[in-house]
C-alpha cells in the first residue's frame, strides 16, 4: 500500500495536464485529512502507464449502499432528472436504460452532449459541478430511453460517510476513478480525429454505438448526423 498526502496526490493529478481540478474540490468539500487517502500501488502504477479510465465501472461497497438506501425511480424517455439551472444534490445509479449529459452552448444557442451514461458505461451519474459546489447545474441529465435508477440524496451519502470508514474509502475511490474516466474520455475526443474517435467507440465502447441514438453521438463528436452517417 502507498499512503499519499492530499498535496502529493494533487501533484500526481497535475501530471495529467491538470484536467481534473474537480478532484481538488472533492477533497476541499469533504475536508479529508492529509493522511487518510490510501490507494493501491497497482492503482497508481496502472494509471501512470496509460490505463484506459474511460471504461470505468462501479464495483465496490458504494453499490451496496445504493441498493440498501437508494430510492427506485422510473424515468420516461426524454425526461430530465436534472435540469440546467437546478441545484443537483443527488447521485443516480443506472439499473436499466441510458442517459446523456448535455450542456448549453450560448454561442450556438444549442445543447451539446458531453457524456453518456449506461448500465455498463459510467453508471453512477450526477452533475459534478453542482453536486460539489452547491451551485446551479450547468448540465442536464436526460433519459434517451425508459430507464430505471436508484437515487441517493447527498445528505444520505454524507451520513453514510460519517458512520462507515470502509464506505468512505469506497466513495473516495469511486469519485477519483469517475473523474479520471471523464477526463480520459474527453481527452480522446479532443486529441483523436473524428474518424478515429468513432472507431474507438466501435472497438472499446460498442454499447454506446448500439444504444445511444446517432444524433447524440454526433453532438458529442461535434459533427452533423449526416456527416456521422457517412463515416459509419
C-alpha atoms as a PDB file:
ATOM      1  CA  UNK A   1       0.000   0.000   0.000  1.00  0.00           C
ATOM      2  CA  UNK A   2       1.093   3.577  -0.538  1.00  0.00           C
ATOM      3  CA  UNK A   3      -0.132   6.487   1.559  1.00  0.00           C
ATOM      4  CA  UNK A   4      -0.414   9.877  -0.100  1.00  0.00           C
ATOM      5  CA  UNK A   5      -0.977  13.250   1.449  1.00  0.00           C
ATOM      6  CA  UNK A   6      -3.598  15.468  -0.116  1.00  0.00           C
ATOM      7  CA  UNK A   7      -0.855  17.681  -1.557  1.00  0.00           C
ATOM      8  CA  UNK A   8       1.123  14.817  -3.056  1.00  0.00           C
ATOM      9  CA  UNK A   9      -1.993  13.373  -4.662  1.00  0.00           C
ATOM     10  CA  UNK A  10      -2.797  16.700  -6.290  1.00  0.00           C
ATOM     11  CA  UNK A  11       0.765  16.836  -7.605  1.00  0.00           C
ATOM     12  CA  UNK A  12       0.229  13.376  -9.048  1.00  0.00           C
ATOM     13  CA  UNK A  13      -3.065  14.507 -10.601  1.00  0.00           C
ATOM     14  CA  UNK A  14      -1.293  17.523 -12.010  1.00  0.00           C
ATOM     15  CA  UNK A  15       0.922  15.293 -14.120  1.00  0.00           C
ATOM     16  CA  UNK A  16      -2.189  14.521 -16.166  1.00  0.00           C
ATOM     17  CA  UNK A  17      -2.229  18.094 -17.587  1.00  0.00           C
ATOM     18  CA  UNK A  18      -4.293  19.482 -14.676  1.00  0.00           C
ATOM     19  CA  UNK A  19      -7.595  18.469 -16.278  1.00  0.00           C
ATOM     20  CA  UNK A  20      -9.149  17.007 -13.162  1.00  0.00           C
ATOM     21  CA  UNK A  21      -9.314  20.072 -10.964  1.00  0.00           C
ATOM     22  CA  UNK A  22     -12.656  18.848  -9.605  1.00  0.00           C
ATOM     23  CA  UNK A  23     -10.669  16.320  -7.582  1.00  0.00           C
ATOM     24  CA  UNK A  24      -9.362  19.288  -5.633  1.00  0.00           C
ATOM     25  CA  UNK A  25     -12.917  20.443  -4.987  1.00  0.00           C
ATOM     26  CA  UNK A  26     -13.786  16.962  -3.788  1.00  0.00           C
ATOM     27  CA  UNK A  27     -11.046  16.933  -1.150  1.00  0.00           C
ATOM     28  CA  UNK A  28     -11.800  20.501  -0.090  1.00  0.00           C
ATOM     29  CA  UNK A  29     -15.524  19.751   0.182  1.00  0.00           C
ATOM     30  CA  UNK A  30     -15.147  16.747   2.434  1.00  0.00           C
ATOM     31  CA  UNK A  31     -12.204  18.113   4.483  1.00  0.00           C
ATOM     32  CA  UNK A  32     -10.329  14.842   4.124  1.00  0.00           C
ATOM     33  CA  UNK A  33      -7.313  14.779   6.481  1.00  0.00           C
ATOM     34  CA  UNK A  34      -3.986  14.771   4.654  1.00  0.00           C
ATOM     35  CA  UNK A  35      -3.120  11.280   5.895  1.00  0.00           C
ATOM     36  CA  UNK A  36      -6.361   9.453   5.167  1.00  0.00           C
ATOM     37  CA  UNK A  37      -6.095   8.857   1.398  1.00  0.00           C
ATOM     38  CA  UNK A  38      -4.902   5.315   0.723  1.00  0.00           C
ATOM     39  CA  UNK A  39      -4.507   3.911  -2.788  1.00  0.00           C
ATOM     40  CA  UNK A  40      -3.250   0.553  -4.010  1.00  0.00           C
ATOM     41  CA  UNK A  41       0.228   0.650  -5.577  1.00  0.00           C
ATOM     42  CA  UNK A  42      -1.201  -1.073  -8.649  1.00  0.00           C
ATOM     43  CA  UNK A  43      -3.845   1.649  -8.977  1.00  0.00           C
ATOM     44  CA  UNK A  44      -1.186   4.320  -9.344  1.00  0.00           C
ATOM     45  CA  UNK A  45       1.059   2.152 -11.494  1.00  0.00           C
ATOM     46  CA  UNK A  46      -1.707   1.207 -13.909  1.00  0.00           C
ATOM     47  CA  UNK A  47      -2.920   4.755 -14.277  1.00  0.00           C
ATOM     48  CA  UNK A  48       0.574   6.145 -14.656  1.00  0.00           C
ATOM     49  CA  UNK A  49       1.203   3.840 -17.582  1.00  0.00           C
ATOM     50  CA  UNK A  50      -1.850   4.911 -19.598  1.00  0.00           C
ATOM     51  CA  UNK A  51      -4.564   2.764 -18.061  1.00  0.00           C
ATOM     52  CA  UNK A  52      -7.756   3.486 -20.003  1.00  0.00           C
ATOM     53  CA  UNK A  53     -10.065   5.022 -17.425  1.00  0.00           C
ATOM     54  CA  UNK A  54     -12.899   5.686 -19.867  1.00  0.00           C
ATOM     55  CA  UNK A  55     -14.155   2.127 -19.298  1.00  0.00           C
ATOM     56  CA  UNK A  56     -14.932   2.913 -15.665  1.00  0.00           C
ATOM     57  CA  UNK A  57     -17.440   0.648 -13.911  1.00  0.00           C
ATOM     58  CA  UNK A  58     -18.567   0.898 -10.302  1.00  0.00           C
ATOM     59  CA  UNK A  59     -17.594  -2.207  -8.380  1.00  0.00           C
ATOM     60  CA  UNK A  60     -17.341  -1.759  -4.623  1.00  0.00           C
ATOM     61  CA  UNK A  61     -19.210  -1.145  -1.380  1.00  0.00           C
ATOM     62  CA  UNK A  62     -20.796   2.020  -2.741  1.00  0.00           C
ATOM     63  CA  UNK A  63     -23.047  -0.180  -4.869  1.00  0.00           C
ATOM     64  CA  UNK A  64     -24.300  -1.989  -1.772  1.00  0.00           C
ATOM     65  CA  UNK A  65     -25.069   1.379  -0.185  1.00  0.00           C
ATOM     66  CA  UNK A  66     -27.076   2.368  -3.243  1.00  0.00           C
ATOM     67  CA  UNK A  67     -29.041  -0.882  -3.097  1.00  0.00           C
ATOM     68  CA  UNK A  68     -29.761  -0.521   0.624  1.00  0.00           C
ATOM     69  CA  UNK A  69     -30.644   3.181   0.748  1.00  0.00           C
ATOM     70  CA  UNK A  70     -31.299   4.299  -2.817  1.00  0.00           C
ATOM     71  CA  UNK A  71     -34.830   5.205  -3.886  1.00  0.00           C
ATOM     72  CA  UNK A  72     -36.026   3.396  -7.058  1.00  0.00           C
ATOM     73  CA  UNK A  73     -37.249   5.725  -9.767  1.00  0.00           C
ATOM     74  CA  UNK A  74     -38.568   5.161 -13.280  1.00  0.00           C
ATOM     75  CA  UNK A  75     -37.588   7.783 -15.838  1.00  0.00           C
ATOM     76  CA  UNK A  76     -39.531   8.327 -19.060  1.00  0.00           C
ATOM     77  CA  UNK A  77     -37.789   8.787 -22.441  1.00  0.00           C
ATOM     78  CA  UNK A  78     -36.651  12.420 -22.937  1.00  0.00           C
ATOM     79  CA  UNK A  79     -37.278  13.217 -19.241  1.00  0.00           C
ATOM     80  CA  UNK A  80     -34.549  15.210 -17.495  1.00  0.00           C
ATOM     81  CA  UNK A  81     -33.723  14.054 -13.979  1.00  0.00           C
ATOM     82  CA  UNK A  82     -31.546  17.144 -13.536  1.00  0.00           C
ATOM     83  CA  UNK A  83     -32.205  20.361 -15.471  1.00  0.00           C
ATOM     84  CA  UNK A  84     -29.782  23.158 -16.263  1.00  0.00           C
ATOM     85  CA  UNK A  85     -30.169  25.847 -13.606  1.00  0.00           C
ATOM     86  CA  UNK A  86     -31.317  23.457 -10.866  1.00  0.00           C
ATOM     87  CA  UNK A  87     -29.179  22.581  -7.868  1.00  0.00           C
ATOM     88  CA  UNK A  88     -28.145  18.936  -8.101  1.00  0.00           C
ATOM     89  CA  UNK A  89     -27.993  17.302  -4.669  1.00  0.00           C
ATOM     90  CA  UNK A  90     -28.469  13.710  -5.858  1.00  0.00           C
ATOM     91  CA  UNK A  91     -26.456  10.837  -7.303  1.00  0.00           C
ATOM     92  CA  UNK A  92     -28.017   8.208  -9.547  1.00  0.00           C
ATOM     93  CA  UNK A  93     -27.122   4.591 -10.249  1.00  0.00           C
ATOM     94  CA  UNK A  94     -28.466   3.242 -13.552  1.00  0.00           C
ATOM     95  CA  UNK A  95     -30.135  -0.153 -13.273  1.00  0.00           C
ATOM     96  CA  UNK A  96     -31.594  -0.143 -16.789  1.00  0.00           C
ATOM     97  CA  UNK A  97     -31.687   2.317 -19.665  1.00  0.00           C
ATOM     98  CA  UNK A  98     -29.439   5.211 -20.535  1.00  0.00           C
ATOM     99  CA  UNK A  99     -28.859   8.965 -20.335  1.00  0.00           C
ATOM    100  CA  UNK A 100     -26.931  11.736 -21.999  1.00  0.00           C
ATOM    101  CA  UNK A 101     -25.306  14.614 -20.167  1.00  0.00           C
ATOM    102  CA  UNK A 102     -25.801  17.855 -22.082  1.00  0.00           C
ATOM    103  CA  UNK A 103     -24.578  21.401 -21.627  1.00  0.00           C
ATOM    104  CA  UNK A 104     -25.882  24.585 -23.217  1.00  0.00           C
ATOM    105  CA  UNK A 105     -23.711  26.421 -25.742  1.00  0.00           C
ATOM    106  CA  UNK A 106     -24.571  30.122 -25.594  1.00  0.00           C
ATOM    107  CA  UNK A 107     -22.805  30.897 -28.885  1.00  0.00           C
ATOM    108  CA  UNK A 108     -24.708  28.331 -30.938  1.00  0.00           C
ATOM    109  CA  UNK A 109     -27.851  28.540 -28.767  1.00  0.00           C
ATOM    110  CA  UNK A 110     -27.940  24.746 -28.710  1.00  0.00           C
ATOM    111  CA  UNK A 111     -27.472  21.871 -26.307  1.00  0.00           C
ATOM    112  CA  UNK A 112     -24.451  19.650 -26.778  1.00  0.00           C
ATOM    113  CA  UNK A 113     -23.955  16.136 -25.444  1.00  0.00           C
ATOM    114  CA  UNK A 114     -20.744  15.826 -23.427  1.00  0.00           C
ATOM    115  CA  UNK A 115     -21.066  12.368 -21.878  1.00  0.00           C
ATOM    116  CA  UNK A 116     -23.060   9.150 -21.946  1.00  0.00           C
ATOM    117  CA  UNK A 117     -24.360   7.041 -19.071  1.00  0.00           C
ATOM    118  CA  UNK A 118     -25.465   3.428 -19.445  1.00  0.00           C
ATOM    119  CA  UNK A 119     -25.728   0.468 -17.116  1.00  0.00           C
ATOM    120  CA  UNK A 120     -22.294  -0.679 -18.343  1.00  0.00           C
ATOM    121  CA  UNK A 121     -20.708   2.733 -19.035  1.00  0.00           C
ATOM    122  CA  UNK A 122     -20.341   5.448 -16.370  1.00  0.00           C
ATOM    123  CA  UNK A 123     -23.385   4.050 -14.479  1.00  0.00           C
ATOM    124  CA  UNK A 124     -23.077   6.375 -11.468  1.00  0.00           C
ATOM    125  CA  UNK A 125     -24.005   9.885 -12.525  1.00  0.00           C
ATOM    126  CA  UNK A 126     -24.570  13.362 -11.177  1.00  0.00           C
ATOM    127  CA  UNK A 127     -23.837  16.913 -12.292  1.00  0.00           C
ATOM    128  CA  UNK A 128     -20.412  17.083 -10.698  1.00  0.00           C
ATOM    129  CA  UNK A 129     -20.034  20.861 -10.750  1.00  0.00           C
ATOM    130  CA  UNK A 130     -23.375  21.421  -8.998  1.00  0.00           C
ATOM    131  CA  UNK A 131     -23.128  18.494  -6.588  1.00  0.00           C
ATOM    132  CA  UNK A 132     -19.786  19.556  -5.118  1.00  0.00           C
ATOM    133  CA  UNK A 133     -20.159  23.338  -5.240  1.00  0.00           C
ATOM    134  CA  UNK A 134     -23.867  23.661  -4.320  1.00  0.00           C
ATOM    135  CA  UNK A 135     -24.352  25.888  -7.349  1.00  0.00           C
ATOM    136  CA  UNK A 136     -26.867  25.790 -10.200  1.00  0.00           C
ATOM    137  CA  UNK A 137     -26.259  22.914 -12.597  1.00  0.00           C
ATOM    138  CA  UNK A 138     -24.503  23.784 -15.852  1.00  0.00           C
ATOM    139  CA  UNK A 139     -25.607  20.476 -17.419  1.00  0.00           C
ATOM    140  CA  UNK A 140     -28.747  18.385 -17.724  1.00  0.00           C
ATOM    141  CA  UNK A 141     -29.129  14.604 -17.424  1.00  0.00           C
ATOM    142  CA  UNK A 142     -31.647  13.423 -20.000  1.00  0.00           C
ATOM    143  CA  UNK A 143     -33.020   9.895 -20.452  1.00  0.00           C
ATOM    144  CA  UNK A 144     -32.730   8.592 -24.010  1.00  0.00           C
ATOM    145  CA  UNK A 145     -34.966   5.591 -23.288  1.00  0.00           C
ATOM    146  CA  UNK A 146     -37.187   4.356 -20.479  1.00  0.00           C
ATOM    147  CA  UNK A 147     -34.801   3.922 -17.546  1.00  0.00           C
ATOM    148  CA  UNK A 148     -34.675   2.619 -14.002  1.00  0.00           C
ATOM    149  CA  UNK A 149     -32.348   4.260 -11.489  1.00  0.00           C
ATOM    150  CA  UNK A 150     -31.580   4.281  -7.790  1.00  0.00           C
ATOM    151  CA  UNK A 151     -31.487   7.806  -6.371  1.00  0.00           C
ATOM    152  CA  UNK A 152     -29.345   8.768  -3.379  1.00  0.00           C
ATOM    153  CA  UNK A 153     -29.643  12.169  -1.734  1.00  0.00           C
ATOM    154  CA  UNK A 154     -26.419  13.957  -0.909  1.00  0.00           C
ATOM    155  CA  UNK A 155     -27.432  14.131   2.767  1.00  0.00           C
ATOM    156  CA  UNK A 156     -27.756  10.342   2.890  1.00  0.00           C
ATOM    157  CA  UNK A 157     -24.312   9.916   1.338  1.00  0.00           C
ATOM    158  CA  UNK A 158     -22.715  12.287   3.844  1.00  0.00           C
ATOM    159  CA  UNK A 159     -24.414  10.467   6.707  1.00  0.00           C
ATOM    160  CA  UNK A 160     -23.007   7.163   5.492  1.00  0.00           C
ATOM    161  CA  UNK A 161     -19.505   8.577   5.121  1.00  0.00           C
ATOM    162  CA  UNK A 162     -19.566   9.837   8.697  1.00  0.00           C
ATOM    163  CA  UNK A 163     -20.502   6.441  10.107  1.00  0.00           C
ATOM    164  CA  UNK A 164     -18.583   3.978   7.935  1.00  0.00           C
ATOM    165  CA  UNK A 165     -14.860   4.303   7.180  1.00  0.00           C
ATOM    166  CA  UNK A 166     -14.998   1.484   4.623  1.00  0.00           C
ATOM    167  CA  UNK A 167     -17.781   3.218   2.738  1.00  0.00           C
ATOM    168  CA  UNK A 168     -15.826   6.465   2.894  1.00  0.00           C
ATOM    169  CA  UNK A 169     -12.813   4.840   1.247  1.00  0.00           C
ATOM    170  CA  UNK A 170     -15.062   3.251  -1.400  1.00  0.00           C
ATOM    171  CA  UNK A 171     -16.639   6.630  -2.106  1.00  0.00           C
ATOM    172  CA  UNK A 172     -13.244   8.315  -2.427  1.00  0.00           C
ATOM    173  CA  UNK A 173     -12.011   5.610  -4.790  1.00  0.00           C
ATOM    174  CA  UNK A 174     -15.153   5.766  -6.942  1.00  0.00           C
ATOM    175  CA  UNK A 175     -15.018   9.563  -7.141  1.00  0.00           C
ATOM    176  CA  UNK A 176     -11.378   9.558  -8.212  1.00  0.00           C
ATOM    177  CA  UNK A 177     -11.947   6.877 -10.818  1.00  0.00           C
ATOM    178  CA  UNK A 178     -15.084   8.559 -12.159  1.00  0.00           C
ATOM    179  CA  UNK A 179     -13.305  11.891 -12.587  1.00  0.00           C
ATOM    180  CA  UNK A 180     -10.331  10.222 -14.242  1.00  0.00           C
ATOM    181  CA  UNK A 181     -12.717   8.350 -16.534  1.00  0.00           C
ATOM    182  CA  UNK A 182     -14.441  11.544 -17.649  1.00  0.00           C
ATOM    183  CA  UNK A 183     -11.062  13.206 -18.169  1.00  0.00           C
ATOM    184  CA  UNK A 184      -9.767  10.288 -20.225  1.00  0.00           C
ATOM    185  CA  UNK A 185     -12.906  10.123 -22.353  1.00  0.00           C
ATOM    186  CA  UNK A 186     -12.867  13.849 -23.089  1.00  0.00           C
ATOM    187  CA  UNK A 187      -9.127  13.787 -23.802  1.00  0.00           C
ATOM    188  CA  UNK A 188      -9.769  11.227 -26.530  1.00  0.00           C
ATOM    189  CA  UNK A 189     -12.452  13.460 -28.018  1.00  0.00           C
ATOM    190  CA  UNK A 190     -10.006  16.390 -28.113  1.00  0.00           C
ATOM    191  CA  UNK A 191      -6.957  14.519 -29.414  1.00  0.00           C
ATOM    192  CA  UNK A 192      -8.396  11.951 -31.846  1.00  0.00           C
ATOM    193  CA  UNK A 193      -9.710  12.703 -35.310  1.00  0.00           C
ATOM    194  CA  UNK A 194     -13.453  12.286 -35.747  1.00  0.00           C
ATOM    195  CA  UNK A 195     -12.979   9.003 -37.625  1.00  0.00           C
ATOM    196  CA  UNK A 196     -10.526   7.732 -35.007  1.00  0.00           C
ATOM    197  CA  UNK A 197     -12.924   8.699 -32.203  1.00  0.00           C
ATOM    198  CA  UNK A 198     -15.771   6.824 -33.825  1.00  0.00           C
ATOM    199  CA  UNK A 199     -13.518   3.795 -34.365  1.00  0.00           C
ATOM    200  CA  UNK A 200     -12.615   3.968 -30.677  1.00  0.00           C
ATOM    201  CA  UNK A 201     -16.285   3.940 -29.716  1.00  0.00           C
ATOM    202  CA  UNK A 202     -16.902   0.962 -32.009  1.00  0.00           C
ATOM    203  CA  UNK A 203     -13.995  -1.034 -30.637  1.00  0.00           C
ATOM    204  CA  UNK A 204     -13.911  -0.062 -26.971  1.00  0.00           C
ATOM    205  CA  UNK A 205     -17.416   1.205 -26.168  1.00  0.00           C
ATOM    206  CA  UNK A 206     -19.751  -0.656 -28.563  1.00  0.00           C
ATOM    207  CA  UNK A 207     -22.695  -0.293 -26.182  1.00  0.00           C
ATOM    208  CA  UNK A 208     -22.648   3.464 -26.864  1.00  0.00           C
ATOM    209  CA  UNK A 209     -22.960   2.926 -30.604  1.00  0.00           C
ATOM    210  CA  UNK A 210     -25.649   0.265 -30.091  1.00  0.00           C
ATOM    211  CA  UNK A 211     -27.787   2.065 -27.507  1.00  0.00           C
ATOM    212  CA  UNK A 212     -27.250   5.813 -27.900  1.00  0.00           C
ATOM    213  CA  UNK A 213     -29.167   7.470 -30.791  1.00  0.00           C
ATOM    214  CA  UNK A 214     -26.838   8.697 -33.527  1.00  0.00           C
ATOM    215  CA  UNK A 215     -27.886  12.343 -33.081  1.00  0.00           C
ATOM    216  CA  UNK A 216     -26.390  12.386 -29.570  1.00  0.00           C
ATOM    217  CA  UNK A 217     -23.178  10.708 -30.710  1.00  0.00           C
ATOM    218  CA  UNK A 218     -22.924  13.324 -33.470  1.00  0.00           C
ATOM    219  CA  UNK A 219     -23.481  16.100 -30.885  1.00  0.00           C
ATOM    220  CA  UNK A 220     -20.747  14.634 -28.702  1.00  0.00           C
ATOM    221  CA  UNK A 221     -18.301  14.491 -31.607  1.00  0.00           C
ATOM    222  CA  UNK A 222     -19.222  17.958 -32.867  1.00  0.00           C
ATOM    223  CA  UNK A 223     -20.430  16.832 -36.292  1.00  0.00           C
ATOM    224  CA  UNK A 224     -23.767  16.690 -38.058  1.00  0.00           C
ATOM    225  CA  UNK A 225     -25.790  13.446 -38.031  1.00  0.00           C
ATOM    226  CA  UNK A 226     -25.394  13.353 -41.836  1.00  0.00           C
ATOM    227  CA  UNK A 227     -21.606  13.571 -41.591  1.00  0.00           C
ATOM    228  CA  UNK A 228     -21.568  10.842 -38.955  1.00  0.00           C
ATOM    229  CA  UNK A 229     -23.682   8.580 -41.148  1.00  0.00           C
ATOM    230  CA  UNK A 230     -21.063   8.846 -43.901  1.00  0.00           C
ATOM    231  CA  UNK A 231     -18.253   7.507 -41.682  1.00  0.00           C
ATOM    232  CA  UNK A 232     -20.287   4.737 -40.047  1.00  0.00           C
END
